[in-house]
Amino acid sequence: TAYKCRLKNKIFCRNCNLKGHVESVCFKEQKQLQMYD
């Protein structure tokens, strides 16, 4: 789960430039919202 993710403080998103997730699961894409609700 996301709570147990050990990489959450080490990864950055190229899409929104925020720390804590990668580009493939960026919530700024509306498609991802349904997948990772």
All heavy atoms as atom14 arrays in JSON, in Angstrom:
{
  "sequence": "TAYKCRLKNKIFCRNCNLKGHVESVCFKEQKQLQMYD",
  "atom14_mask": [
    [1, 1, 1, 1, 1, 1, 1, 0, 0, 0, 0, 0, 0, 0],
    [1, 1, 1, 1, 1, 0, 0, 0, 0, 0, 0, 0, 0, 0],
    [1, 1, 1, 1, 1, 1, 1, 1, 1, 1, 1, 1, 0, 0],
    [1, 1, 1, 1, 1, 1, 1, 1, 1, 0, 0, 0, 0, 0],
    [1, 1, 1, 1, 1, 1, 0, 0, 0, 0, 0, 0, 0, 0],
    [1, 1, 1, 1, 1, 1, 1, 1, 1, 1, 1, 0, 0, 0],
    [1, 1, 1, 1, 1, 1, 1, 1, 0, 0, 0, 0, 0, 0],
    [1, 1, 1, 1, 1, 1, 1, 1, 1, 0, 0, 0, 0, 0],
    [1, 1, 1, 1, 1, 1, 1, 1, 0, 0, 0, 0, 0, 0],
    [1, 1, 1, 1, 1, 1, 1, 1, 1, 0, 0, 0, 0, 0],
    [1, 1, 1, 1, 1, 1, 1, 1, 0, 0, 0, 0, 0, 0],
    [1, 1, 1, 1, 1, 1, 1, 1, 1, 1, 1, 0, 0, 0],
    [1, 1, 1, 1, 1, 1, 0, 0, 0, 0, 0, 0, 0, 0],
    [1, 1, 1, 1, 1, 1, 1, 1, 1, 1, 1, 0, 0, 0],
    [1, 1, 1, 1, 1, 1, 1, 1, 0, 0, 0, 0, 0, 0],
    [1, 1, 1, 1, 1, 1, 0, 0, 0, 0, 0, 0, 0, 0],
    [1, 1, 1, 1, 1, 1, 1, 1, 0, 0, 0, 0, 0, 0],
    [1, 1, 1, 1, 1, 1, 1, 1, 0, 0, 0, 0, 0, 0],
    [1, 1, 1, 1, 1, 1, 1, 1, 1, 0, 0, 0, 0, 0],
    [1, 1, 1, 1, 0, 0, 0, 0, 0, 0, 0, 0, 0, 0],
    [1, 1, 1, 1, 1, 1, 1, 1, 1, 1, 0, 0, 0, 0],
    [1, 1, 1, 1, 1, 1, 1, 0, 0, 0, 0, 0, 0, 0],
    [1, 1, 1, 1, 1, 1, 1, 1, 1, 0, 0, 0, 0, 0],
    [1, 1, 1, 1, 1, 1, 0, 0, 0, 0, 0, 0, 0, 0],
    [1, 1, 1, 1, 1, 1, 1, 0, 0, 0, 0, 0, 0, 0],
    [1, 1, 1, 1, 1, 1, 0, 0, 0, 0, 0, 0, 0, 0],
    [1, 1, 1, 1, 1, 1, 1, 1, 1, 1, 1, 0, 0, 0],
    [1, 1, 1, 1, 1, 1, 1, 1, 1, 0, 0, 0, 0, 0],
    [1, 1, 1, 1, 1, 1, 1, 1, 1, 0, 0, 0, 0, 0],
    [1, 1, 1, 1, 1, 1, 1, 1, 1, 0, 0, 0, 0, 0],
    [1, 1, 1, 1, 1, 1, 1, 1, 1, 0, 0, 0, 0, 0],
    [1, 1, 1, 1, 1, 1, 1, 1, 1, 0, 0, 0, 0, 0],
    [1, 1, 1, 1, 1, 1, 1, 1, 0, 0, 0, 0, 0, 0],
    [1, 1, 1, 1, 1, 1, 1, 1, 1, 0, 0, 0, 0, 0],
    [1, 1, 1, 1, 1, 1, 1, 1, 0, 0, 0, 0, 0, 0],
    [1, 1, 1, 1, 1, 1, 1, 1, 1, 1, 1, 1, 0, 0],
    [1, 1, 1, 1, 1, 1, 1, 1, 0, 0, 0, 0, 0, 0]
  ],
  "atom14_positions": [
    [[0.84, -1.2, 0.0], [0.0, 0.0, 0.0], [0.87, 1.25, 0.0], [2.08, 1.18, 0.26], [-0.9, 0.03, 1.24], [-0.08, 0.09, 2.4], [-1.8, -1.19, 1.32], [0.0, 0.0, 0.0], [0.0, 0.0, 0.0], [0.0, 0.0, 0.0], [0.0, 0.0, 0.0], [0.0, 0.0, 0.0], [0.0, 0.0, 0.0], [0.0, 0.0, 0.0]],
    [[0.24, 2.38, -0.27], [0.98, 3.64, -0.3], [1.56, 3.99, 1.07], [2.62, 4.59, 1.18], [0.07, 4.77, -0.79], [0.0, 0.0, 0.0], [0.0, 0.0, 0.0], [0.0, 0.0, 0.0], [0.0, 0.0, 0.0], [0.0, 0.0, 0.0], [0.0, 0.0, 0.0], [0.0, 0.0, 0.0], [0.0, 0.0, 0.0], [0.0, 0.0, 0.0]],
    [[0.84, 3.62, 2.12], [1.32, 3.94, 3.48], [2.62, 3.21, 3.8], [3.46, 3.7, 4.52], [0.25, 3.57, 4.49], [0.68, 3.78, 5.93], [0.87, 5.06, 6.43], [0.9, 2.7, 6.76], [1.27, 5.26, 7.73], [1.31, 2.88, 8.07], [1.49, 4.16, 8.55], [1.88, 4.35, 9.85], [0.0, 0.0, 0.0], [0.0, 0.0, 0.0]],
    [[2.78, 1.95, 3.21], [3.97, 1.15, 3.49], [5.08, 1.36, 2.47], [6.11, 0.71, 2.53], [3.59, -0.33, 3.5], [2.63, -0.71, 4.62], [2.29, -2.19, 4.56], [1.31, -2.56, 5.68], [0.94, -4.0, 5.62], [0.0, 0.0, 0.0], [0.0, 0.0, 0.0], [0.0, 0.0, 0.0], [0.0, 0.0, 0.0], [0.0, 0.0, 0.0]],
    [[4.87, 2.26, 1.53], [5.86, 2.48, 0.46], [7.14, 3.06, 1.04], [7.13, 4.13, 1.67], [5.28, 3.4, -0.61], [6.4, 3.64, -2.01], [0.0, 0.0, 0.0], [0.0, 0.0, 0.0], [0.0, 0.0, 0.0], [0.0, 0.0, 0.0], [0.0, 0.0, 0.0], [0.0, 0.0, 0.0], [0.0, 0.0, 0.0], [0.0, 0.0, 0.0]],
    [[8.27, 2.38, 0.79], [9.54, 2.85, 1.32], [10.2, 3.89, 0.43], [11.22, 4.47, 0.8], [10.5, 1.66, 1.49], [10.02, 0.66, 2.54], [11.1, -0.33, 2.88], [11.51, -1.11, 1.73], [12.57, -1.94, 1.72], [13.29, -2.07, 2.81], [12.89, -2.62, 0.64], [0.0, 0.0, 0.0], [0.0, 0.0, 0.0], [0.0, 0.0, 0.0]],
    [[9.64, 4.13, -0.73], [10.25, 5.07, -1.67], [9.56, 6.43, -1.68], [9.93, 7.29, -2.46], [10.19, 4.48, -3.09], [10.94, 3.15, -3.3], [10.69, 2.66, -4.72], [12.42, 3.33, -3.06], [0.0, 0.0, 0.0], [0.0, 0.0, 0.0], [0.0, 0.0, 0.0], [0.0, 0.0, 0.0], [0.0, 0.0, 0.0], [0.0, 0.0, 0.0]],
    [[8.57, 6.61, -0.81], [7.75, 7.83, -0.89], [8.54, 9.1, -0.63], [8.16, 10.17, -1.11], [6.56, 7.75, 0.06], [6.94, 7.64, 1.53], [5.69, 7.51, 2.38], [6.04, 7.39, 3.86], [4.83, 7.25, 4.7], [0.0, 0.0, 0.0], [0.0, 0.0, 0.0], [0.0, 0.0, 0.0], [0.0, 0.0, 0.0], [0.0, 0.0, 0.0]],
    [[9.64, 9.0, 0.12], [10.45, 10.19, 0.4], [11.66, 10.31, -0.52], [12.5, 11.19, -0.32], [10.91, 10.18, 1.85], [9.78, 10.34, 2.83], [8.84, 11.08, 2.57], [9.83, 9.63, 3.95], [0.0, 0.0, 0.0], [0.0, 0.0, 0.0], [0.0, 0.0, 0.0], [0.0, 0.0, 0.0], [0.0, 0.0, 0.0], [0.0, 0.0, 0.0]],
    [[11.75, 9.39, -1.5], [12.93, 9.39, -2.36], [12.61, 9.64, -3.82], [13.53, 9.79, -4.64], [13.65, 8.05, -2.23], [14.2, 7.77, -0.84], [14.93, 6.45, -0.8], [15.52, 6.17, 0.58], [16.23, 4.87, 0.62], [0.0, 0.0, 0.0], [0.0, 0.0, 0.0], [0.0, 0.0, 0.0], [0.0, 0.0, 0.0], [0.0, 0.0, 0.0]],
    [[11.34, 9.65, -4.19], [10.97, 9.75, -5.59], [10.33, 11.1, -5.9], [9.74, 11.74, -5.03], [10.0, 8.61, -6.0], [8.8, 8.56, -5.02], [10.73, 7.29, -6.02], [7.82, 7.45, -5.33], [0.0, 0.0, 0.0], [0.0, 0.0, 0.0], [0.0, 0.0, 0.0], [0.0, 0.0, 0.0], [0.0, 0.0, 0.0], [0.0, 0.0, 0.0]],
    [[10.48, 11.54, -7.14], [9.93, 12.81, -7.61], [9.13, 12.56, -8.89], [9.43, 11.66, -9.67], [11.03, 13.83, -7.87], [11.7, 14.33, -6.65], [12.76, 13.64, -6.08], [11.27, 15.5, -6.02], [13.37, 14.11, -4.94], [11.88, 15.96, -4.88], [12.93, 15.26, -4.33], [0.0, 0.0, 0.0], [0.0, 0.0, 0.0], [0.0, 0.0, 0.0]],
    [[8.13, 13.4, -9.1], [7.29, 13.31, -10.28], [7.76, 14.31, -11.33], [7.91, 15.51, -11.03], [5.83, 13.58, -9.91], [4.71, 13.59, -11.32], [0.0, 0.0, 0.0], [0.0, 0.0, 0.0], [0.0, 0.0, 0.0], [0.0, 0.0, 0.0], [0.0, 0.0, 0.0], [0.0, 0.0, 0.0], [0.0, 0.0, 0.0], [0.0, 0.0, 0.0]],
    [[7.97, 13.85, -12.55], [8.39, 14.74, -13.62], [7.23, 15.56, -14.18], [7.42, 16.56, -14.85], [9.01, 13.93, -14.76], [10.3, 13.23, -14.36], [10.86, 12.45, -15.54], [12.07, 11.74, -15.18], [12.75, 10.94, -16.01], [12.31, 10.76, -17.26], [13.84, 10.33, -15.61], [0.0, 0.0, 0.0], [0.0, 0.0, 0.0], [0.0, 0.0, 0.0]],
    [[6.02, 15.11, -13.88], [4.84, 15.79, -14.41], [4.5, 17.05, -13.61], [4.3, 18.12, -14.16], [3.65, 14.82, -14.41], [2.41, 15.44, -15.03], [2.5, 16.25, -15.95], [1.26, 15.07, -14.53], [0.0, 0.0, 0.0], [0.0, 0.0, 0.0], [0.0, 0.0, 0.0], [0.0, 0.0, 0.0], [0.0, 0.0, 0.0], [0.0, 0.0, 0.0]],
    [[4.46, 16.91, -12.25], [4.08, 18.06, -11.42], [5.24, 18.56, -10.55], [5.06, 19.5, -9.77], [2.9, 17.69, -10.51], [3.26, 16.36, -9.35], [0.0, 0.0, 0.0], [0.0, 0.0, 0.0], [0.0, 0.0, 0.0], [0.0, 0.0, 0.0], [0.0, 0.0, 0.0], [0.0, 0.0, 0.0], [0.0, 0.0, 0.0], [0.0, 0.0, 0.0]],
    [[6.42, 17.91, -10.65], [7.62, 18.31, -9.9], [7.43, 18.25, -8.39], [8.04, 19.01, -7.65], [8.05, 19.73, -10.3], [8.46, 19.82, -11.75], [9.09, 18.89, -12.26], [8.1, 20.91, -12.4], [0.0, 0.0, 0.0], [0.0, 0.0, 0.0], [0.0, 0.0, 0.0], [0.0, 0.0, 0.0], [0.0, 0.0, 0.0], [0.0, 0.0, 0.0]],
    [[6.58, 17.36, -7.93], [6.37, 17.19, -6.5], [7.02, 15.91, -6.02], [7.19, 14.94, -6.77], [4.87, 17.17, -6.17], [4.11, 18.46, -6.43], [2.63, 18.26, -6.1], [4.68, 19.61, -5.6], [0.0, 0.0, 0.0], [0.0, 0.0, 0.0], [0.0, 0.0, 0.0], [0.0, 0.0, 0.0], [0.0, 0.0, 0.0], [0.0, 0.0, 0.0]],
    [[7.37, 15.91, -4.73], [8.0, 14.76, -4.12], [6.93, 13.8, -3.6], [5.9, 14.21, -3.1], [8.89, 15.23, -2.95], [9.69, 14.13, -2.27], [10.53, 14.74, -1.16], [11.32, 13.67, -0.44], [12.13, 14.24, 0.67], [0.0, 0.0, 0.0], [0.0, 0.0, 0.0], [0.0, 0.0, 0.0], [0.0, 0.0, 0.0], [0.0, 0.0, 0.0]],
    [[7.21, 12.47, -3.69], [6.32, 11.51, -3.07], [5.64, 10.54, -4.02], [5.02, 9.59, -3.58], [0.0, 0.0, 0.0], [0.0, 0.0, 0.0], [0.0, 0.0, 0.0], [0.0, 0.0, 0.0], [0.0, 0.0, 0.0], [0.0, 0.0, 0.0], [0.0, 0.0, 0.0], [0.0, 0.0, 0.0], [0.0, 0.0, 0.0], [0.0, 0.0, 0.0]],
    [[5.75, 10.76, -5.35], [5.17, 9.84, -6.31], [5.9, 9.99, -7.65], [6.67, 10.93, -7.84], [3.67, 10.08, -6.48], [3.33, 11.42, -7.05], [3.24, 12.56, -6.28], [3.08, 11.8, -8.34], [2.93, 13.59, -7.05], [2.84, 13.16, -8.31], [0.0, 0.0, 0.0], [0.0, 0.0, 0.0], [0.0, 0.0, 0.0], [0.0, 0.0, 0.0]],
    [[5.64, 9.05, -8.54], [6.28, 9.08, -9.85], [5.29, 9.52, -10.92], [4.08, 9.6, -10.67], [6.87, 7.69, -10.2], [7.99, 7.33, -9.26], [5.79, 6.62, -10.18], [0.0, 0.0, 0.0], [0.0, 0.0, 0.0], [0.0, 0.0, 0.0], [0.0, 0.0, 0.0], [0.0, 0.0, 0.0], [0.0, 0.0, 0.0], [0.0, 0.0, 0.0]],
    [[5.81, 9.78, -12.1], [5.0, 10.35, -13.18], [3.86, 9.42, -13.59], [2.76, 9.87, -13.91], [5.9, 10.64, -14.39], [5.18, 11.3, -15.56], [6.13, 11.57, -16.7], [7.31, 11.17, -16.6], [5.69, 12.15, -17.69], [0.0, 0.0, 0.0], [0.0, 0.0, 0.0], [0.0, 0.0, 0.0], [0.0, 0.0, 0.0], [0.0, 0.0, 0.0]],
    [[4.09, 8.11, -13.56], [3.08, 7.17, -14.05], [1.83, 7.13, -13.19], [0.78, 6.66, -13.63], [3.69, 5.76, -14.13], [4.11, 5.34, -12.85], [0.0, 0.0, 0.0], [0.0, 0.0, 0.0], [0.0, 0.0, 0.0], [0.0, 0.0, 0.0], [0.0, 0.0, 0.0], [0.0, 0.0, 0.0], [0.0, 0.0, 0.0], [0.0, 0.0, 0.0]],
    [[1.94, 7.59, -11.95], [0.78, 7.57, -11.05], [0.41, 8.97, -10.58], [-0.15, 9.14, -9.5], [1.04, 6.65, -9.83], [1.13, 5.21, -10.26], [2.3, 7.09, -9.1], [0.0, 0.0, 0.0], [0.0, 0.0, 0.0], [0.0, 0.0, 0.0], [0.0, 0.0, 0.0], [0.0, 0.0, 0.0], [0.0, 0.0, 0.0], [0.0, 0.0, 0.0]],
    [[0.76, 9.98, -11.36], [0.49, 11.36, -10.95], [-1.02, 11.6, -10.93], [-1.73, 11.31, -11.9], [1.17, 12.33, -11.9], [0.9, 14.06, -11.44], [0.0, 0.0, 0.0], [0.0, 0.0, 0.0], [0.0, 0.0, 0.0], [0.0, 0.0, 0.0], [0.0, 0.0, 0.0], [0.0, 0.0, 0.0], [0.0, 0.0, 0.0], [0.0, 0.0, 0.0]],
    [[-1.51, 12.18, -9.84], [-2.94, 12.42, -9.69], [-3.43, 13.6, -10.51], [-4.62, 13.86, -10.56], [-3.27, 12.67, -8.21], [-3.32, 11.41, -7.41], [-2.76, 11.37, -6.15], [-3.93, 10.27, -7.9], [-2.79, 10.22, -5.4], [-3.97, 9.12, -7.15], [-3.4, 9.08, -5.9], [0.0, 0.0, 0.0], [0.0, 0.0, 0.0], [0.0, 0.0, 0.0]],
    [[-2.52, 14.35, -11.11], [-2.97, 15.47, -11.94], [-3.64, 14.96, -13.22], [-4.37, 15.7, -13.87], [-1.79, 16.37, -12.28], [-1.39, 17.26, -11.1], [-0.68, 18.5, -11.56], [-0.52, 19.48, -10.41], [0.13, 20.72, -10.82], [0.0, 0.0, 0.0], [0.0, 0.0, 0.0], [0.0, 0.0, 0.0], [0.0, 0.0, 0.0], [0.0, 0.0, 0.0]],
    [[-3.34, 13.72, -13.58], [-4.04, 13.11, -14.7], [-5.34, 12.52, -14.18], [-5.34, 11.69, -13.28], [-3.18, 12.02, -15.33], [-1.86, 12.52, -15.9], [-2.08, 13.41, -17.1], [-3.11, 13.23, -17.77], [-1.24, 14.28, -17.36], [0.0, 0.0, 0.0], [0.0, 0.0, 0.0], [0.0, 0.0, 0.0], [0.0, 0.0, 0.0], [0.0, 0.0, 0.0]],
    [[-6.46, 12.92, -14.73], [-7.76, 12.48, -14.24], [-7.93, 10.95, -14.35], [-8.65, 10.33, -13.6], [-8.88, 13.18, -15.0], [-8.97, 14.66, -14.72], [-9.3, 14.93, -13.27], [-10.08, 14.23, -12.66], [-8.68, 15.96, -12.71], [0.0, 0.0, 0.0], [0.0, 0.0, 0.0], [0.0, 0.0, 0.0], [0.0, 0.0, 0.0], [0.0, 0.0, 0.0]],
    [[-7.22, 10.34, -15.29], [-7.32, 8.89, -15.45], [-6.78, 8.19, -14.21], [-7.26, 7.13, -13.83], [-6.53, 8.45, -16.68], [-7.1, 8.99, -17.99], [-6.24, 8.55, -19.15], [-6.77, 9.11, -20.46], [-5.92, 8.71, -21.6], [0.0, 0.0, 0.0], [0.0, 0.0, 0.0], [0.0, 0.0, 0.0], [0.0, 0.0, 0.0], [0.0, 0.0, 0.0]],
    [[-5.77, 8.76, -13.62], [-5.15, 8.11, -12.46], [-6.04, 8.2, -11.23], [-5.94, 7.38, -10.33], [-3.8, 8.77, -12.15], [-2.81, 8.77, -13.3], [-2.31, 7.38, -13.63], [-2.61, 6.43, -12.9], [-1.6, 7.24, -14.72], [0.0, 0.0, 0.0], [0.0, 0.0, 0.0], [0.0, 0.0, 0.0], [0.0, 0.0, 0.0], [0.0, 0.0, 0.0]],
    [[-6.92, 9.17, -11.17], [-7.76, 9.34, -10.0], [-8.65, 8.12, -9.79], [-8.87, 7.67, -8.67], [-8.62, 10.6, -10.13], [-7.87, 11.92, -10.02], [-8.84, 13.07, -10.26], [-7.22, 12.07, -8.66], [0.0, 0.0, 0.0], [0.0, 0.0, 0.0], [0.0, 0.0, 0.0], [0.0, 0.0, 0.0], [0.0, 0.0, 0.0], [0.0, 0.0, 0.0]],
    [[-9.2, 7.59, -10.88], [-10.07, 6.44, -10.77], [-9.28, 5.18, -10.41], [-9.74, 4.31, -9.69], [-10.84, 6.22, -12.08], [-11.68, 7.43, -12.5], [-12.75, 7.74, -11.48], [-13.27, 6.85, -10.82], [-13.09, 9.02, -11.34], [0.0, 0.0, 0.0], [0.0, 0.0, 0.0], [0.0, 0.0, 0.0], [0.0, 0.0, 0.0], [0.0, 0.0, 0.0]],
    [[-8.06, 5.09, -10.97], [-7.25, 3.89, -10.77], [-6.75, 3.77, -9.34], [-6.67, 2.68, -8.78], [-6.07, 3.91, -11.74], [-5.27, 2.6, -11.77], [-3.9, 2.71, -12.93], [-4.77, 3.04, -14.44], [0.0, 0.0, 0.0], [0.0, 0.0, 0.0], [0.0, 0.0, 0.0], [0.0, 0.0, 0.0], [0.0, 0.0, 0.0], [0.0, 0.0, 0.0]],
    [[-6.42, 4.92, -8.73], [-5.83, 4.9, -7.4], [-6.73, 5.58, -6.38], [-6.25, 6.23, -5.46], [-4.46, 5.58, -7.42], [-3.52, 4.98, -8.42], [-3.29, 5.59, -9.65], [-2.9, 3.78, -8.14], [-2.45, 5.03, -10.56], [-2.04, 3.21, -9.06], [-1.82, 3.84, -10.27], [-0.98, 3.28, -11.18], [0.0, 0.0, 0.0], [0.0, 0.0, 0.0]],
    [[-7.99, 5.5, -6.55], [-8.94, 6.11, -5.61], [-8.76, 5.51, -4.22], [-8.8, 4.3, -4.03], [-10.36, 5.85, -6.11], [-11.39, 6.51, -5.23], [-10.97, 7.3, -4.36], [-12.58, 6.24, -5.41], [0.0, 0.0, 0.0], [0.0, 0.0, 0.0], [0.0, 0.0, 0.0], [0.0, 0.0, 0.0], [0.0, 0.0, 0.0], [0.0, 0.0, 0.0]]
  ]
}
